[in-house]
């Protein structure tokens, strides 16, 4: 015997695990189709349907010492590399909710890297297609990284 949840059923708390019939269909914009993090729209997402940083990005630095220069920023599963003019910085990262955390691990020239203990934390605001993301500093003790990351809008390459 099947039981249908409908308008005649008593109200249930939101966390009861029971979904109304009209909400039971999958939402195509958040459905992942492979374990590599892709979605059916071709937009990279993580396992939770959230936009993913993994891949290559490019943007024009908004302000500070590097204003107007192109930033190329690539993310793998746990590391990143950023290139500005003839320099580059490498580091580690994590992304939870809307918060991107970054740490520098090395750079060329060596003076570009922030001290490893100086973690930057940014709010990441993706567009509806996960094709662009805007970063805004929450906490950033490193002036150099703040100069290229705070306020930048990156486009997926």
C-alpha atoms as a PDB file:
ATOM      1  CA  UNK A   1       0.000   0.000   0.000  1.00  0.00           C
ATOM      2  CA  UNK A   2       1.386   3.399  -0.892  1.00  0.00           C
ATOM      3  CA  UNK A   3       0.797   6.502   1.094  1.00  0.00           C
ATOM      4  CA  UNK A   4       0.623   9.868  -0.646  1.00  0.00           C
ATOM      5  CA  UNK A   5       1.517  13.062   1.123  1.00  0.00           C
ATOM      6  CA  UNK A   6      -1.108  15.632   0.250  1.00  0.00           C
ATOM      7  CA  UNK A   7      -3.088  18.623   1.333  1.00  0.00           C
ATOM      8  CA  UNK A   8      -5.246  16.570   3.739  1.00  0.00           C
ATOM      9  CA  UNK A   9      -2.266  15.382   5.767  1.00  0.00           C
ATOM     10  CA  UNK A  10      -1.498  17.195   9.018  1.00  0.00           C
ATOM     11  CA  UNK A  11       1.347  19.747   8.875  1.00  0.00           C
ATOM     12  CA  UNK A  12       4.793  18.314   9.653  1.00  0.00           C
ATOM     13  CA  UNK A  13       7.922  20.063  10.904  1.00  0.00           C
ATOM     14  CA  UNK A  14      10.301  21.137   8.127  1.00  0.00           C
ATOM     15  CA  UNK A  15      12.930  18.624   9.249  1.00  0.00           C
ATOM     16  CA  UNK A  16      10.553  15.611   9.221  1.00  0.00           C
ATOM     17  CA  UNK A  17      12.099  14.272   6.024  1.00  0.00           C
ATOM     18  CA  UNK A  18       8.710  14.210   4.268  1.00  0.00           C
ATOM     19  CA  UNK A  19       8.584  16.161   1.015  1.00  0.00           C
ATOM     20  CA  UNK A  20       5.500  17.437  -0.746  1.00  0.00           C
ATOM     21  CA  UNK A  21       4.958  15.732  -4.108  1.00  0.00           C
ATOM     22  CA  UNK A  22       5.682  18.862  -6.154  1.00  0.00           C
ATOM     23  CA  UNK A  23       9.108  19.187  -4.447  1.00  0.00           C
ATOM     24  CA  UNK A  24      10.118  15.575  -4.998  1.00  0.00           C
ATOM     25  CA  UNK A  25      11.315  16.043  -8.603  1.00  0.00           C
ATOM     26  CA  UNK A  26      15.034  16.751  -8.990  1.00  0.00           C
ATOM     27  CA  UNK A  27      16.103  20.314  -9.670  1.00  0.00           C
ATOM     28  CA  UNK A  28      18.122  20.212 -12.894  1.00  0.00           C
ATOM     29  CA  UNK A  29      20.277  23.193 -11.925  1.00  0.00           C
ATOM     30  CA  UNK A  30      21.732  21.321  -8.958  1.00  0.00           C
ATOM     31  CA  UNK A  31      21.843  17.760 -10.253  1.00  0.00           C
ATOM     32  CA  UNK A  32      25.325  16.284 -10.631  1.00  0.00           C
ATOM     33  CA  UNK A  33      25.774  13.793 -13.438  1.00  0.00           C
ATOM     34  CA  UNK A  34      29.253  12.517 -12.684  1.00  0.00           C
ATOM     35  CA  UNK A  35      31.583  11.946  -9.787  1.00  0.00           C
ATOM     36  CA  UNK A  36      33.983  14.512 -11.243  1.00  0.00           C
ATOM     37  CA  UNK A  37      31.787  17.332 -10.036  1.00  0.00           C
ATOM     38  CA  UNK A  38      30.014  18.253 -13.263  1.00  0.00           C
ATOM     39  CA  UNK A  39      26.348  19.021 -13.591  1.00  0.00           C
ATOM     40  CA  UNK A  40      23.957  18.292 -16.394  1.00  0.00           C
ATOM     41  CA  UNK A  41      24.372  21.893 -17.560  1.00  0.00           C
ATOM     42  CA  UNK A  42      28.143  21.444 -17.939  1.00  0.00           C
ATOM     43  CA  UNK A  43      28.834  23.714 -14.963  1.00  0.00           C
ATOM     44  CA  UNK A  44      31.371  22.301 -12.495  1.00  0.00           C
ATOM     45  CA  UNK A  45      29.832  21.781  -9.072  1.00  0.00           C
ATOM     46  CA  UNK A  46      30.915  19.855  -6.010  1.00  0.00           C
ATOM     47  CA  UNK A  47      29.045  16.838  -4.625  1.00  0.00           C
ATOM     48  CA  UNK A  48      26.594  19.117  -2.802  1.00  0.00           C
ATOM     49  CA  UNK A  49      25.568  20.988  -5.948  1.00  0.00           C
ATOM     50  CA  UNK A  50      27.606  24.039  -4.932  1.00  0.00           C
ATOM     51  CA  UNK A  51      29.759  25.849  -7.530  1.00  0.00           C
ATOM     52  CA  UNK A  52      33.339  24.599  -7.651  1.00  0.00           C
ATOM     53  CA  UNK A  53      36.581  26.569  -7.793  1.00  0.00           C
ATOM     54  CA  UNK A  54      38.439  23.679  -9.448  1.00  0.00           C
ATOM     55  CA  UNK A  55      39.685  24.840 -12.839  1.00  0.00           C
ATOM     56  CA  UNK A  56      41.235  27.949 -14.359  1.00  0.00           C
ATOM     57  CA  UNK A  57      40.009  31.496 -13.756  1.00  0.00           C
ATOM     58  CA  UNK A  58      40.986  34.933 -15.008  1.00  0.00           C
ATOM     59  CA  UNK A  59      40.131  38.461 -13.967  1.00  0.00           C
ATOM     60  CA  UNK A  60      41.325  42.036 -13.883  1.00  0.00           C
ATOM     61  CA  UNK A  61      42.614  43.142 -10.509  1.00  0.00           C
ATOM     62  CA  UNK A  62      40.230  45.743  -9.120  1.00  0.00           C
ATOM     63  CA  UNK A  63      42.381  47.908  -6.863  1.00  0.00           C
ATOM     64  CA  UNK A  64      45.683  48.414  -5.100  1.00  0.00           C
ATOM     65  CA  UNK A  65      49.224  48.006  -6.385  1.00  0.00           C
ATOM     66  CA  UNK A  66      48.172  45.540  -9.122  1.00  0.00           C
ATOM     67  CA  UNK A  67      45.051  47.440 -10.325  1.00  0.00           C
ATOM     68  CA  UNK A  68      44.306  46.848 -13.992  1.00  0.00           C
ATOM     69  CA  UNK A  69      46.593  43.814 -14.319  1.00  0.00           C
ATOM     70  CA  UNK A  70      45.325  40.366 -15.315  1.00  0.00           C
ATOM     71  CA  UNK A  71      45.248  37.668 -12.634  1.00  0.00           C
ATOM     72  CA  UNK A  72      45.231  34.036 -13.727  1.00  0.00           C
ATOM     73  CA  UNK A  73      44.222  31.748 -10.864  1.00  0.00           C
ATOM     74  CA  UNK A  74      44.064  27.938 -11.175  1.00  0.00           C
ATOM     75  CA  UNK A  75      42.621  25.590  -8.541  1.00  0.00           C
ATOM     76  CA  UNK A  76      43.140  21.830  -8.225  1.00  0.00           C
ATOM     77  CA  UNK A  77      41.500  19.671  -5.539  1.00  0.00           C
ATOM     78  CA  UNK A  78      43.525  21.273  -2.725  1.00  0.00           C
ATOM     79  CA  UNK A  79      46.141  23.633  -4.198  1.00  0.00           C
ATOM     80  CA  UNK A  80      46.122  26.829  -6.224  1.00  0.00           C
ATOM     81  CA  UNK A  81      48.494  28.856  -8.383  1.00  0.00           C
ATOM     82  CA  UNK A  82      48.055  32.537  -9.183  1.00  0.00           C
ATOM     83  CA  UNK A  83      49.979  34.398 -11.857  1.00  0.00           C
ATOM     84  CA  UNK A  84      50.339  38.165 -12.072  1.00  0.00           C
ATOM     85  CA  UNK A  85      52.647  39.688 -14.714  1.00  0.00           C
ATOM     86  CA  UNK A  86      55.908  37.712 -14.404  1.00  0.00           C
ATOM     87  CA  UNK A  87      55.329  36.470 -10.842  1.00  0.00           C
ATOM     88  CA  UNK A  88      53.426  33.533  -9.403  1.00  0.00           C
ATOM     89  CA  UNK A  89      52.179  32.403  -6.005  1.00  0.00           C
ATOM     90  CA  UNK A  90      51.137  28.911  -4.929  1.00  0.00           C
ATOM     91  CA  UNK A  91      49.101  27.794  -1.957  1.00  0.00           C
ATOM     92  CA  UNK A  92      46.387  25.648  -0.445  1.00  0.00           C
ATOM     93  CA  UNK A  93      42.669  26.371  -0.228  1.00  0.00           C
ATOM     94  CA  UNK A  94      39.315  25.220   1.080  1.00  0.00           C
ATOM     95  CA  UNK A  95      35.773  26.287   0.265  1.00  0.00           C
ATOM     96  CA  UNK A  96      32.790  25.846   2.573  1.00  0.00           C
ATOM     97  CA  UNK A  97      29.388  27.464   2.074  1.00  0.00           C
ATOM     98  CA  UNK A  98      30.328  30.827   0.585  1.00  0.00           C
ATOM     99  CA  UNK A  99      33.736  31.109   2.283  1.00  0.00           C
ATOM    100  CA  UNK A 100      37.046  30.619   0.460  1.00  0.00           C
ATOM    101  CA  UNK A 101      40.123  30.180   2.696  1.00  0.00           C
ATOM    102  CA  UNK A 102      43.591  30.539   1.122  1.00  0.00           C
ATOM    103  CA  UNK A 103      47.154  30.115   2.395  1.00  0.00           C
ATOM    104  CA  UNK A 104      50.364  30.777   0.464  1.00  0.00           C
ATOM    105  CA  UNK A 105      53.014  28.043   0.367  1.00  0.00           C
ATOM    106  CA  UNK A 106      55.581  29.443  -2.116  1.00  0.00           C
ATOM    107  CA  UNK A 107      56.140  32.015  -4.842  1.00  0.00           C
ATOM    108  CA  UNK A 108      58.443  33.184  -7.592  1.00  0.00           C
ATOM    109  CA  UNK A 109      60.094  35.475  -6.710  1.00  0.00           C
ATOM    110  CA  UNK A 110      60.130  34.240  -3.118  1.00  0.00           C
ATOM    111  CA  UNK A 111      59.154  37.669  -1.762  1.00  0.00           C
ATOM    112  CA  UNK A 112      55.632  37.484  -3.265  1.00  0.00           C
ATOM    113  CA  UNK A 113      54.312  34.787  -0.901  1.00  0.00           C
ATOM    114  CA  UNK A 114      52.502  35.739   2.282  1.00  0.00           C
ATOM    115  CA  UNK A 115      53.680  34.084   5.502  1.00  0.00           C
ATOM    116  CA  UNK A 116      52.072  30.616   5.807  1.00  0.00           C
ATOM    117  CA  UNK A 117      50.373  31.590   9.085  1.00  0.00           C
ATOM    118  CA  UNK A 118      48.497  34.441   7.371  1.00  0.00           C
ATOM    119  CA  UNK A 119      45.325  32.782   6.076  1.00  0.00           C
ATOM    120  CA  UNK A 120      43.029  34.893   3.918  1.00  0.00           C
ATOM    121  CA  UNK A 121      39.289  34.394   4.164  1.00  0.00           C
ATOM    122  CA  UNK A 122      36.980  35.623   1.391  1.00  0.00           C
ATOM    123  CA  UNK A 123      33.274  35.599   0.653  1.00  0.00           C
ATOM    124  CA  UNK A 124      32.819  34.007  -2.779  1.00  0.00           C
ATOM    125  CA  UNK A 125      29.726  35.080  -4.723  1.00  0.00           C
ATOM    126  CA  UNK A 126      29.134  32.958  -7.828  1.00  0.00           C
ATOM    127  CA  UNK A 127      26.762  33.973 -10.598  1.00  0.00           C
ATOM    128  CA  UNK A 128      23.821  31.669 -11.362  1.00  0.00           C
ATOM    129  CA  UNK A 129      25.827  29.652 -13.897  1.00  0.00           C
ATOM    130  CA  UNK A 130      28.998  29.204 -11.787  1.00  0.00           C
ATOM    131  CA  UNK A 131      30.907  30.900 -14.647  1.00  0.00           C
ATOM    132  CA  UNK A 132      32.037  33.953 -12.646  1.00  0.00           C
ATOM    133  CA  UNK A 133      32.836  34.524  -8.998  1.00  0.00           C
ATOM    134  CA  UNK A 134      33.474  37.747  -7.052  1.00  0.00           C
ATOM    135  CA  UNK A 135      35.758  37.668  -4.002  1.00  0.00           C
ATOM    136  CA  UNK A 136      35.439  40.027  -1.035  1.00  0.00           C
ATOM    137  CA  UNK A 137      37.842  39.881   1.912  1.00  0.00           C
ATOM    138  CA  UNK A 138      36.389  38.841   5.259  1.00  0.00           C
ATOM    139  CA  UNK A 139      39.785  38.705   6.973  1.00  0.00           C
ATOM    140  CA  UNK A 140      43.063  39.171   5.120  1.00  0.00           C
ATOM    141  CA  UNK A 141      46.219  39.885   7.131  1.00  0.00           C
ATOM    142  CA  UNK A 142      48.443  39.809   4.020  1.00  0.00           C
ATOM    143  CA  UNK A 143      48.462  43.125   2.151  1.00  0.00           C
ATOM    144  CA  UNK A 144      49.964  41.596  -1.007  1.00  0.00           C
ATOM    145  CA  UNK A 145      47.281  38.941  -1.418  1.00  0.00           C
ATOM    146  CA  UNK A 146      44.565  41.444  -0.501  1.00  0.00           C
ATOM    147  CA  UNK A 147      45.860  43.691  -3.316  1.00  0.00           C
ATOM    148  CA  UNK A 148      45.089  41.098  -6.001  1.00  0.00           C
ATOM    149  CA  UNK A 149      42.209  39.088  -4.500  1.00  0.00           C
ATOM    150  CA  UNK A 150      39.913  41.523  -2.684  1.00  0.00           C
ATOM    151  CA  UNK A 151      37.161  42.770  -4.986  1.00  0.00           C
ATOM    152  CA  UNK A 152      38.191  40.765  -8.053  1.00  0.00           C
ATOM    153  CA  UNK A 153      35.657  39.116 -10.336  1.00  0.00           C
ATOM    154  CA  UNK A 154      37.049  35.973 -11.932  1.00  0.00           C
ATOM    155  CA  UNK A 155      35.697  34.302 -15.066  1.00  0.00           C
ATOM    156  CA  UNK A 156      36.031  30.554 -15.627  1.00  0.00           C
ATOM    157  CA  UNK A 157      38.398  29.805 -18.523  1.00  0.00           C
END
